Amino acid sequence: GLAMVQDVPDIIENGYIRIIEIFRFLGKLAVSSYFIVGENPDAGLPLAIASTTIVAYVAENYKKSVSYLEVVSDRQAELVEVVQESSQKYRLIADYYMRP
């Protein structure tokens, strides 16, 4: 139950929304490239090199971001587990510290 509550927003935010943003940026790159090459056909090679470099950088950075987000997600899951366990065993904890 709690995993669904925690994982679904994470999947939406870091999965689908990121993909939409990537396609939006690729669309901007394609449109701007079209106009740049239309104005100056000699700009095609530098534009292709720059585009390839940007795509490679984003792909490598994305891999690192995913690994960092996985670590953060694991830590959050551990924290949620501790909070749930202490909440379930509150009576035991409270009784243990009970003073006469």
PDB file of N, CA and C in Angstrom:
ATOM      1  N   GLY A   1       0.809  -1.184   0.000  1.00  0.00           N
ATOM      2  CA  GLY A   1       0.000   0.000   0.000  1.00  0.00           C
ATOM      3  C   GLY A   1       0.857   1.255   0.000  1.00  0.00           C
ATOM      4  N   LEU A   2       1.776   1.349   0.979  1.00  0.00           N
ATOM      5  CA  LEU A   2       2.588   2.555   1.098  1.00  0.00           C
ATOM      6  C   LEU A   2       3.576   2.657  -0.050  1.00  0.00           C
ATOM      7  N   ALA A   3       4.029   1.523  -0.549  1.00  0.00           N
ATOM      8  CA  ALA A   3       4.958   1.544  -1.672  1.00  0.00           C
ATOM      9  C   ALA A   3       4.302   2.182  -2.891  1.00  0.00           C
ATOM     10  N   MET A   4       3.029   1.889  -3.110  1.00  0.00           N
ATOM     11  CA  MET A   4       2.307   2.491  -4.233  1.00  0.00           C
ATOM     12  C   MET A   4       2.194   3.999  -4.044  1.00  0.00           C
ATOM     13  N   VAL A   5       1.887   4.423  -2.830  1.00  0.00           N
ATOM     14  CA  VAL A   5       1.743   5.853  -2.553  1.00  0.00           C
ATOM     15  C   VAL A   5       3.063   6.571  -2.780  1.00  0.00           C
ATOM     16  N   GLN A   6       4.153   5.926  -2.453  1.00  0.00           N
ATOM     17  CA  GLN A   6       5.472   6.543  -2.579  1.00  0.00           C
ATOM     18  C   GLN A   6       6.027   6.404  -3.992  1.00  0.00           C
ATOM     19  N   ASP A   7       5.831   5.269  -4.636  1.00  0.00           N
ATOM     20  CA  ASP A   7       6.466   5.008  -5.926  1.00  0.00           C
ATOM     21  C   ASP A   7       5.743   5.634  -7.115  1.00  0.00           C
ATOM     22  N   VAL A   8       4.422   5.708  -7.065  1.00  0.00           N
ATOM     23  CA  VAL A   8       3.680   6.229  -8.214  1.00  0.00           C
ATOM     24  C   VAL A   8       4.043   7.683  -8.511  1.00  0.00           C
ATOM     25  N   PRO A   9       4.032   8.587  -7.521  1.00  0.00           N
ATOM     26  CA  PRO A   9       4.457   9.965  -7.847  1.00  0.00           C
ATOM     27  C   PRO A   9       5.903  10.024  -8.334  1.00  0.00           C
ATOM     28  N   ASP A  10       6.758   9.173  -7.793  1.00  0.00           N
ATOM     29  CA  ASP A  10       8.160   9.141  -8.214  1.00  0.00           C
ATOM     30  C   ASP A  10       8.279   8.709  -9.670  1.00  0.00           C
ATOM     31  N   ILE A  11       7.521   7.703 -10.058  1.00  0.00           N
ATOM     32  CA  ILE A  11       7.541   7.228 -11.444  1.00  0.00           C
ATOM     33  C   ILE A  11       7.019   8.311 -12.376  1.00  0.00           C
ATOM     34  N   ILE A  12       5.943   8.966 -11.965  1.00  0.00           N
ATOM     35  CA  ILE A  12       5.368  10.026 -12.803  1.00  0.00           C
ATOM     36  C   ILE A  12       6.349  11.174 -12.951  1.00  0.00           C
ATOM     37  N   GLU A  13       6.901  11.639 -11.822  1.00  0.00           N
ATOM     38  CA  GLU A  13       7.782  12.807 -11.851  1.00  0.00           C
ATOM     39  C   GLU A  13       9.096  12.512 -12.557  1.00  0.00           C
ATOM     40  N   ASN A  14       9.707  11.400 -12.243  1.00  0.00           N
ATOM     41  CA  ASN A  14      11.034  11.108 -12.776  1.00  0.00           C
ATOM     42  C   ASN A  14      11.002  10.259 -14.043  1.00  0.00           C
ATOM     43  N   GLY A  15       9.854   9.769 -14.423  1.00  0.00           N
ATOM     44  CA  GLY A  15       9.761   8.951 -15.619  1.00  0.00           C
ATOM     45  C   GLY A  15       9.064   9.684 -16.744  1.00  0.00           C
ATOM     46  N   TYR A  16       7.750   9.750 -16.659  1.00  0.00           N
ATOM     47  CA  TYR A  16       6.961  10.293 -17.750  1.00  0.00           C
ATOM     48  C   TYR A  16       7.223  11.779 -17.976  1.00  0.00           C
ATOM     49  N   ILE A  17       7.304  12.550 -16.922  1.00  0.00           N
ATOM     50  CA  ILE A  17       7.513  13.992 -17.071  1.00  0.00           C
ATOM     51  C   ILE A  17       8.887  14.262 -17.681  1.00  0.00           C
ATOM     52  N   ARG A  18       9.894  13.520 -17.269  1.00  0.00           N
ATOM     53  CA  ARG A  18      11.239  13.696 -17.834  1.00  0.00           C
ATOM     54  C   ARG A  18      11.259  13.360 -19.325  1.00  0.00           C
ATOM     55  N   ILE A  19      10.550  12.318 -19.703  1.00  0.00           N
ATOM     56  CA  ILE A  19      10.505  11.936 -21.114  1.00  0.00           C
ATOM     57  C   ILE A  19       9.842  13.038 -21.935  1.00  0.00           C
ATOM     58  N   ILE A  20       8.770  13.600 -21.410  1.00  0.00           N
ATOM     59  CA  ILE A  20       8.099  14.697 -22.109  1.00  0.00           C
ATOM     60  C   ILE A  20       9.040  15.891 -22.244  1.00  0.00           C
ATOM     61  N   GLU A  21       9.779  16.211 -21.178  1.00  0.00           N
ATOM     62  CA  GLU A  21      10.726  17.319 -21.234  1.00  0.00           C
ATOM     63  C   GLU A  21      11.835  17.052 -22.253  1.00  0.00           C
ATOM     64  N   ILE A  22      12.320  15.826 -22.323  1.00  0.00           N
ATOM     65  CA  ILE A  22      13.369  15.476 -23.284  1.00  0.00           C
ATOM     66  C   ILE A  22      12.861  15.667 -24.716  1.00  0.00           C
ATOM     67  N   PHE A  23      11.634  15.200 -24.992  1.00  0.00           N
ATOM     68  CA  PHE A  23      11.082  15.376 -26.330  1.00  0.00           C
ATOM     69  C   PHE A  23      10.837  16.849 -26.653  1.00  0.00           C
ATOM     70  N   ARG A  24      10.460  17.619 -25.651  1.00  0.00           N
ATOM     71  CA  ARG A  24      10.258  19.053 -25.867  1.00  0.00           C
ATOM     72  C   ARG A  24      11.582  19.718 -26.263  1.00  0.00           C
ATOM     73  N   PHE A  25      12.658  19.397 -25.535  1.00  0.00           N
ATOM     74  CA  PHE A  25      13.969  19.967 -25.860  1.00  0.00           C
ATOM     75  C   PHE A  25      14.477  19.484 -27.220  1.00  0.00           C
ATOM     76  N   LEU A  26      14.237  18.216 -27.537  1.00  0.00           N
ATOM     77  CA  LEU A  26      14.630  17.713 -28.853  1.00  0.00           C
ATOM     78  C   LEU A  26      13.870  18.422 -29.970  1.00  0.00           C
ATOM     79  N   GLY A  27      12.613  18.718 -29.730  1.00  0.00           N
ATOM     80  CA  GLY A  27      11.822  19.468 -30.707  1.00  0.00           C
ATOM     81  C   GLY A  27      12.373  20.871 -30.912  1.00  0.00           C
ATOM     82  N   LYS A  28      12.727  21.538 -29.800  1.00  0.00           N
ATOM     83  CA  LYS A  28      13.326  22.865 -29.911  1.00  0.00           C
ATOM     84  C   LYS A  28      14.640  22.802 -30.685  1.00  0.00           C
ATOM     85  N   LEU A  29      15.443  21.784 -30.391  1.00  0.00           N
ATOM     86  CA  LEU A  29      16.717  21.619 -31.084  1.00  0.00           C
ATOM     87  C   LEU A  29      16.503  21.390 -32.573  1.00  0.00           C
ATOM     88  N   ALA A  30      15.528  20.577 -32.920  1.00  0.00           N
ATOM     89  CA  ALA A  30      15.258  20.291 -34.330  1.00  0.00           C
ATOM     90  C   ALA A  30      14.782  21.546 -35.068  1.00  0.00           C
ATOM     91  N   VAL A  31      13.874  22.288 -34.458  1.00  0.00           N
ATOM     92  CA  VAL A  31      13.350  23.497 -35.114  1.00  0.00           C
ATOM     93  C   VAL A  31      14.441  24.544 -35.265  1.00  0.00           C
ATOM     94  N   SER A  32      15.204  24.769 -34.209  1.00  0.00           N
ATOM     95  CA  SER A  32      16.272  25.766 -34.308  1.00  0.00           C
ATOM     96  C   SER A  32      17.348  25.317 -35.304  1.00  0.00           C
ATOM     97  N   SER A  33      17.643  24.042 -35.348  1.00  0.00           N
ATOM     98  CA  SER A  33      18.626  23.528 -36.315  1.00  0.00           C
ATOM     99  C   SER A  33      18.144  23.735 -37.744  1.00  0.00           C
ATOM    100  N   TYR A  34      16.875  23.512 -37.954  1.00  0.00           N
ATOM    101  CA  TYR A  34      16.300  23.706 -39.291  1.00  0.00           C
ATOM    102  C   TYR A  34      16.491  25.148 -39.749  1.00  0.00           C
ATOM    103  N   PHE A  35      16.192  26.094 -38.869  1.00  0.00           N
ATOM    104  CA  PHE A  35      16.328  27.503 -39.250  1.00  0.00           C
ATOM    105  C   PHE A  35      17.793  27.926 -39.393  1.00  0.00           C
ATOM    106  N   ILE A  36      18.657  27.389 -38.542  1.00  0.00           N
ATOM    107  CA  ILE A  36      20.078  27.732 -38.639  1.00  0.00           C
ATOM    108  C   ILE A  36      20.664  27.225 -39.950  1.00  0.00           C
ATOM    109  N   VAL A  37      20.385  25.980 -40.295  1.00  0.00           N
ATOM    110  CA  VAL A  37      20.907  25.416 -41.541  1.00  0.00           C
ATOM    111  C   VAL A  37      20.257  26.102 -42.743  1.00  0.00           C
ATOM    112  N   GLY A  38      19.011  26.518 -42.612  1.00  0.00           N
ATOM    113  CA  GLY A  38      18.349  27.247 -43.693  1.00  0.00           C
ATOM    114  C   GLY A  38      19.026  28.577 -43.973  1.00  0.00           C
ATOM    115  N   GLU A  39      19.494  29.253 -42.934  1.00  0.00           N
ATOM    116  CA  GLU A  39      20.166  30.535 -43.099  1.00  0.00           C
ATOM    117  C   GLU A  39      21.623  30.374 -43.528  1.00  0.00           C
ATOM    118  N   ASN A  40      22.271  29.328 -43.010  1.00  0.00           N
ATOM    119  CA  ASN A  40      23.693  29.133 -43.310  1.00  0.00           C
ATOM    120  C   ASN A  40      23.956  27.633 -43.462  1.00  0.00           C
ATOM    121  N   PRO A  41      23.962  27.130 -44.680  1.00  0.00           N
ATOM    122  CA  PRO A  41      24.164  25.680 -44.888  1.00  0.00           C
ATOM    123  C   PRO A  41      25.514  25.168 -44.380  1.00  0.00           C
ATOM    124  N   ASP A  42      26.504  26.046 -44.253  1.00  0.00           N
ATOM    125  CA  ASP A  42      27.811  25.619 -43.742  1.00  0.00           C
ATOM    126  C   ASP A  42      27.782  25.328 -42.245  1.00  0.00           C
ATOM    127  N   ALA A  43      26.721  25.698 -41.580  1.00  0.00           N
ATOM    128  CA  ALA A  43      26.619  25.489 -40.132  1.00  0.00           C
ATOM    129  C   ALA A  43      26.167  24.067 -39.798  1.00  0.00           C
ATOM    130  N   GLY A  44      25.919  23.255 -40.791  1.00  0.00           N
ATOM    131  CA  GLY A  44      25.419  21.895 -40.556  1.00  0.00           C
ATOM    132  C   GLY A  44      26.368  21.018 -39.762  1.00  0.00           C
ATOM    133  N   LEU A  45      27.643  21.019 -40.127  1.00  0.00           N
ATOM    134  CA  LEU A  45      28.611  20.164 -39.426  1.00  0.00           C
ATOM    135  C   LEU A  45      28.822  20.607 -37.972  1.00  0.00           C
ATOM    136  N   PRO A  46      29.090  21.898 -37.714  1.00  0.00           N
ATOM    137  CA  PRO A  46      29.225  22.301 -36.309  1.00  0.00           C
ATOM    138  C   PRO A  46      27.954  22.051 -35.499  1.00  0.00           C
ATOM    139  N   LEU A  47      26.815  22.231 -36.144  1.00  0.00           N
ATOM    140  CA  LEU A  47      25.545  21.985 -35.463  1.00  0.00           C
ATOM    141  C   LEU A  47      25.384  20.507 -35.129  1.00  0.00           C
ATOM    142  N   ALA A  48      25.778  19.633 -36.035  1.00  0.00           N
ATOM    143  CA  ALA A  48      25.701  18.186 -35.782  1.00  0.00           C
ATOM    144  C   ALA A  48      26.652  17.787 -34.662  1.00  0.00           C
ATOM    145  N   ILE A  49      27.850  18.355 -34.652  1.00  0.00           N
ATOM    146  CA  ILE A  49      28.815  18.040 -33.586  1.00  0.00           C
ATOM    147  C   ILE A  49      28.303  18.528 -32.238  1.00  0.00           C
ATOM    148  N   ALA A  50      27.781  19.755 -32.217  1.00  0.00           N
ATOM    149  CA  ALA A  50      27.252  20.301 -30.957  1.00  0.00           C
ATOM    150  C   ALA A  50      26.056  19.484 -30.472  1.00  0.00           C
ATOM    151  N   SER A  51      25.170  19.114 -31.381  1.00  0.00           N
ATOM    152  CA  SER A  51      23.997  18.321 -31.008  1.00  0.00           C
ATOM    153  C   SER A  51      24.398  16.958 -30.458  1.00  0.00           C
ATOM    154  N   THR A  52      25.353  16.317 -31.107  1.00  0.00           N
ATOM    155  CA  THR A  52      25.833  15.014 -30.642  1.00  0.00           C
ATOM    156  C   THR A  52      26.472  15.122 -29.267  1.00  0.00           C
ATOM    157  N   THR A  53      27.245  16.178 -29.067  1.00  0.00           N
ATOM    158  CA  THR A  53      27.880  16.389 -27.760  1.00  0.00           C
ATOM    159  C   THR A  53      26.842  16.608 -26.671  1.00  0.00           C
ATOM    160  N   ILE A  54      25.824  17.400 -26.971  1.00  0.00           N
ATOM    161  CA  ILE A  54      24.764  17.668 -25.988  1.00  0.00           C
ATOM    162  C   ILE A  54      24.017  16.386 -25.650  1.00  0.00           C
ATOM    163  N   VAL A  55      23.678  15.615 -26.665  1.00  0.00           N
ATOM    164  CA  VAL A  55      22.947  14.362 -26.427  1.00  0.00           C
ATOM    165  C   VAL A  55      23.790  13.392 -25.602  1.00  0.00           C
ATOM    166  N   ALA A  56      25.079  13.294 -25.898  1.00  0.00           N
ATOM    167  CA  ALA A  56      25.962  12.404 -25.130  1.00  0.00           C
ATOM    168  C   ALA A  56      26.065  12.864 -23.680  1.00  0.00           C
ATOM    169  N   TYR A  57      26.201  14.160 -23.470  1.00  0.00           N
ATOM    170  CA  TYR A  57      26.297  14.696 -22.104  1.00  0.00           C
ATOM    171  C   TYR A  57      25.007  14.426 -21.324  1.00  0.00           C
ATOM    172  N   VAL A  58      23.877  14.676 -21.951  1.00  0.00           N
ATOM    173  CA  VAL A  58      22.588  14.458 -21.277  1.00  0.00           C
ATOM    174  C   VAL A  58      22.406  12.975 -20.957  1.00  0.00           C
ATOM    175  N   ALA A  59      22.778  12.100 -21.887  1.00  0.00           N
ATOM    176  CA  ALA A  59      22.637  10.661 -21.646  1.00  0.00           C
ATOM    177  C   ALA A  59      23.507  10.216 -20.476  1.00  0.00           C
ATOM    178  N   GLU A  60      24.733  10.690 -20.419  1.00  0.00           N
ATOM    179  CA  GLU A  60      25.624  10.313 -19.314  1.00  0.00           C
ATOM    180  C   GLU A  60      25.143  10.919 -18.003  1.00  0.00           C
ATOM    181  N   ASN A  61      24.721  12.160 -18.034  1.00  0.00           N
ATOM    182  CA  ASN A  61      24.227  12.819 -16.833  1.00  0.00           C
ATOM    183  C   ASN A  61      22.946  12.157 -16.337  1.00  0.00           C
ATOM    184  N   TYR A  62      22.120  11.696 -17.262  1.00  0.00           N
ATOM    185  CA  TYR A  62      20.871  11.026 -16.893  1.00  0.00           C
ATOM    186  C   TYR A  62      21.154   9.738 -16.135  1.00  0.00           C
ATOM    187  N   LYS A  63      22.155   8.988 -16.586  1.00  0.00           N
ATOM    188  CA  LYS A  63      22.516   7.750 -15.891  1.00  0.00           C
ATOM    189  C   LYS A  63      22.940   8.037 -14.451  1.00  0.00           C
ATOM    190  N   LYS A  64      23.747   9.085 -14.264  1.00  0.00           N
ATOM    191  CA  LYS A  64      24.176   9.449 -12.921  1.00  0.00           C
ATOM    192  C   LYS A  64      22.995   9.905 -12.077  1.00  0.00           C
ATOM    193  N   SER A  65      22.109  10.689 -12.677  1.00  0.00           N
ATOM    194  CA  SER A  65      20.937  11.182 -11.948  1.00  0.00           C
ATOM    195  C   SER A  65      20.053  10.028 -11.497  1.00  0.00           C
ATOM    196  N   VAL A  66      19.875   9.060 -12.363  1.00  0.00           N
ATOM    197  CA  VAL A  66      19.048   7.904 -12.011  1.00  0.00           C
ATOM    198  C   VAL A  66      19.667   7.142 -10.851  1.00  0.00           C
ATOM    199  N   SER A  67      20.976   6.961 -10.872  1.00  0.00           N
ATOM    200  CA  SER A  67      21.614   6.227  -9.769  1.00  0.00           C
ATOM    201  C   SER A  67      21.497   7.010  -8.465  1.00  0.00           C
ATOM    202  N   TYR A  68      21.645   8.330  -8.514  1.00  0.00           N
ATOM    203  CA  TYR A  68      21.481   9.141  -7.306  1.00  0.00           C
ATOM    204  C   TYR A  68      20.039   9.089  -6.801  1.00  0.00           C
ATOM    205  N   LEU A  69      19.086   9.148  -7.712  1.00  0.00           N
ATOM    206  CA  LEU A  69      17.682   9.085  -7.308  1.00  0.00           C
ATOM    207  C   LEU A  69      17.330   7.728  -6.708  1.00  0.00           C
ATOM    208  N   GLU A  70      17.955   6.665  -7.206  1.00  0.00           N
ATOM    209  CA  GLU A  70      17.723   5.341  -6.632  1.00  0.00           C
ATOM    210  C   GLU A  70      18.241   5.275  -5.199  1.00  0.00           C
ATOM    211  N   VAL A  71      19.400   5.864  -4.954  1.00  0.00           N
ATOM    212  CA  VAL A  71      19.959   5.890  -3.593  1.00  0.00           C
ATOM    213  C   VAL A  71      19.036   6.672  -2.674  1.00  0.00           C
ATOM    214  N   VAL A  72      18.576   7.825  -3.126  1.00  0.00           N
ATOM    215  CA  VAL A  72      17.672   8.649  -2.320  1.00  0.00           C
ATOM    216  C   VAL A  72      16.378   7.894  -2.043  1.00  0.00           C
ATOM    217  N   SER A  73      15.855   7.221  -3.051  1.00  0.00           N
ATOM    218  CA  SER A  73      14.629   6.449  -2.889  1.00  0.00           C
ATOM    219  C   SER A  73      14.814   5.315  -1.884  1.00  0.00           C
ATOM    220  N   ASP A  74      15.966   4.641  -1.944  1.00  0.00           N
ATOM    221  CA  ASP A  74      16.239   3.572  -0.978  1.00  0.00           C
ATOM    222  C   ASP A  74      16.310   4.118   0.445  1.00  0.00           C
ATOM    223  N   ARG A  75      16.959   5.256   0.618  1.00  0.00           N
ATOM    224  CA  ARG A  75      17.062   5.871   1.948  1.00  0.00           C
ATOM    225  C   ARG A  75      15.683   6.292   2.459  1.00  0.00           C
ATOM    226  N   GLN A  76      14.855   6.834   1.570  1.00  0.00           N
ATOM    227  CA  GLN A  76      13.510   7.212   1.967  1.00  0.00           C
ATOM    228  C   GLN A  76      12.699   5.993   2.384  1.00  0.00           C
ATOM    229  N   ALA A  77      12.857   4.897   1.653  1.00  0.00           N
ATOM    230  CA  ALA A  77      12.132   3.670   1.995  1.00  0.00           C
ATOM    231  C   ALA A  77      12.574   3.155   3.362  1.00  0.00           C
ATOM    232  N   GLU A  78      13.879   3.221   3.648  1.00  0.00           N
ATOM    233  CA  GLU A  78      14.372   2.803   4.965  1.00  0.00           C
ATOM    234  C   GLU A  78      13.790   3.678   6.062  1.00  0.00           C
ATOM    235  N   LEU A  79      13.738   4.978   5.825  1.00  0.00           N
ATOM    236  CA  LEU A  79      13.192   5.903   6.814  1.00  0.00           C
ATOM    237  C   LEU A  79      11.707   5.652   7.047  1.00  0.00           C
ATOM    238  N   VAL A  80      10.966   5.435   5.974  1.00  0.00           N
ATOM    239  CA  VAL A  80       9.537   5.143   6.098  1.00  0.00           C
ATOM    240  C   VAL A  80       9.334   3.850   6.873  1.00  0.00           C
ATOM    241  N   GLU A  81      10.176   2.864   6.626  1.00  0.00           N
ATOM    242  CA  GLU A  81      10.069   1.590   7.331  1.00  0.00           C
ATOM    243  C   GLU A  81      10.296   1.771   8.831  1.00  0.00           C
ATOM    244  N   VAL A  82      11.298   2.566   9.203  1.00  0.00           N
ATOM    245  CA  VAL A  82      11.576   2.817  10.620  1.00  0.00           C
ATOM    246  C   VAL A  82      10.411   3.569  11.267  1.00  0.00           C
ATOM    247  N   VAL A  83       9.883   4.552  10.591  1.00  0.00           N
ATOM    248  CA  VAL A  83       8.762   5.319  11.139  1.00  0.00           C
ATOM    249  C   VAL A  83       7.534   4.427  11.287  1.00  0.00           C
ATOM    250  N   GLN A  84       7.252   3.591  10.300  1.00  0.00           N
ATOM    251  CA  GLN A  84       6.114   2.678  10.403  1.00  0.00           C
ATOM    252  C   GLN A  84       6.291   1.701  11.552  1.00  0.00           C
ATOM    253  N   GLU A  85       7.489   1.145  11.680  1.00  0.00           N
ATOM    254  CA  GLU A  85       7.732   0.174  12.744  1.00  0.00           C
ATOM    255  C   GLU A  85       7.595   0.826  14.117  1.00  0.00           C
ATOM    256  N   SER A  86       8.156   2.017  14.273  1.00  0.00           N
ATOM    257  CA  SER A  86       8.048   2.681  15.573  1.00  0.00           C
ATOM    258  C   SER A  86       6.618   3.091  15.854  1.00  0.00           C
ATOM    259  N   SER A  87       5.860   3.433  14.818  1.00  0.00           N
ATOM    260  CA  SER A  87       4.452   3.770  15.013  1.00  0.00           C
ATOM    261  C   SER A  87       3.652   2.533  15.432  1.00  0.00           C
ATOM    262  N   GLN A  88       3.946   1.396  14.808  1.00  0.00           N
ATOM    263  CA  GLN A  88       3.243   0.163  15.159  1.00  0.00           C
ATOM    264  C   GLN A  88       3.607  -0.313  16.562  1.00  0.00           C
ATOM    265  N   LYS A  89       4.827  -0.057  16.990  1.00  0.00           N
ATOM    266  CA  LYS A  89       5.287  -0.538  18.293  1.00  0.00           C
ATOM    267  C   LYS A  89       5.340   0.581  19.334  1.00  0.00           C
ATOM    268  N   TYR A  90       4.563   1.631  19.104  1.00  0.00           N
ATOM    269  CA  TYR A  90       4.583   2.770  20.017  1.00  0.00           C
ATOM    270  C   TYR A  90       4.214   2.348  21.436  1.00  0.00           C
ATOM    271  N   ARG A  91       3.207   1.528  21.572  1.00  0.00           N
ATOM    272  CA  ARG A  91       2.757   1.118  22.907  1.00  0.00           C
ATOM    273  C   ARG A  91       3.888   0.428  23.661  1.00  0.00           C
ATOM    274  N   LEU A  92       4.633  -0.442  22.996  1.00  0.00           N
ATOM    275  CA  LEU A  92       5.764  -1.130  23.613  1.00  0.00           C
ATOM    276  C   LEU A  92       6.838  -0.125  24.026  1.00  0.00           C
ATOM    277  N   ILE A  93       7.128   0.821  23.146  1.00  0.00           N
ATOM    278  CA  ILE A  93       8.139   1.836  23.454  1.00  0.00           C
ATOM    279  C   ILE A  93       7.681   2.693  24.626  1.00  0.00           C
ATOM    280  N   ALA A  94       6.423   3.095  24.610  1.00  0.00           N
ATOM    281  CA  ALA A  94       5.890   3.932  25.694  1.00  0.00           C
ATOM    282  C   ALA A  94       5.891   3.162  27.012  1.00  0.00           C
ATOM    283  N   ASP A  95       5.532   1.892  26.992  1.00  0.00           N
ATOM    284  CA  ASP A  95       5.528   1.094  28.222  1.00  0.00           C
ATOM    285  C   ASP A  95       6.943   0.882  28.752  1.00  0.00           C
ATOM    286  N   TYR A  96       7.895   0.746  27.882  1.00  0.00           N
ATOM    287  CA  TYR A  96       9.261   0.519  28.306  1.00  0.00           C
ATOM    288  C   TYR A  96       9.802   1.724  29.073  1.00  0.00           C
ATOM    289  N   TYR A  97       9.442   2.911  28.650  1.00  0.00           N
ATOM    290  CA  TYR A  97       9.923   4.113  29.317  1.00  0.00           C
ATOM    291  C   TYR A  97       8.971   4.605  30.412  1.00  0.00           C
ATOM    292  N   MET A  98       7.983   3.796  30.747  1.00  0.00           N
ATOM    293  CA  MET A  98       7.010   4.193  31.768  1.00  0.00           C
ATOM    294  C   MET A  98       7.664   4.252  33.134  1.00  0.00           C
ATOM    295  N   ARG A  99       7.458   5.333  33.851  1.00  0.00           N
ATOM    296  CA  ARG A  99       8.027   5.519  35.191  1.00  0.00           C
ATOM    297  C   ARG A  99       6.999   5.129  36.246  1.00  0.00           C
ATOM    298  N   PRO A 100       7.455   4.559  37.391  1.00  0.00           N
ATOM    299  CA  PRO A 100       6.494   4.170  38.445  1.00  0.00           C
ATOM    300  C   PRO A 100       5.891   5.372  39.162  1.00  0.00           C
TER     301      PRO A 100
END
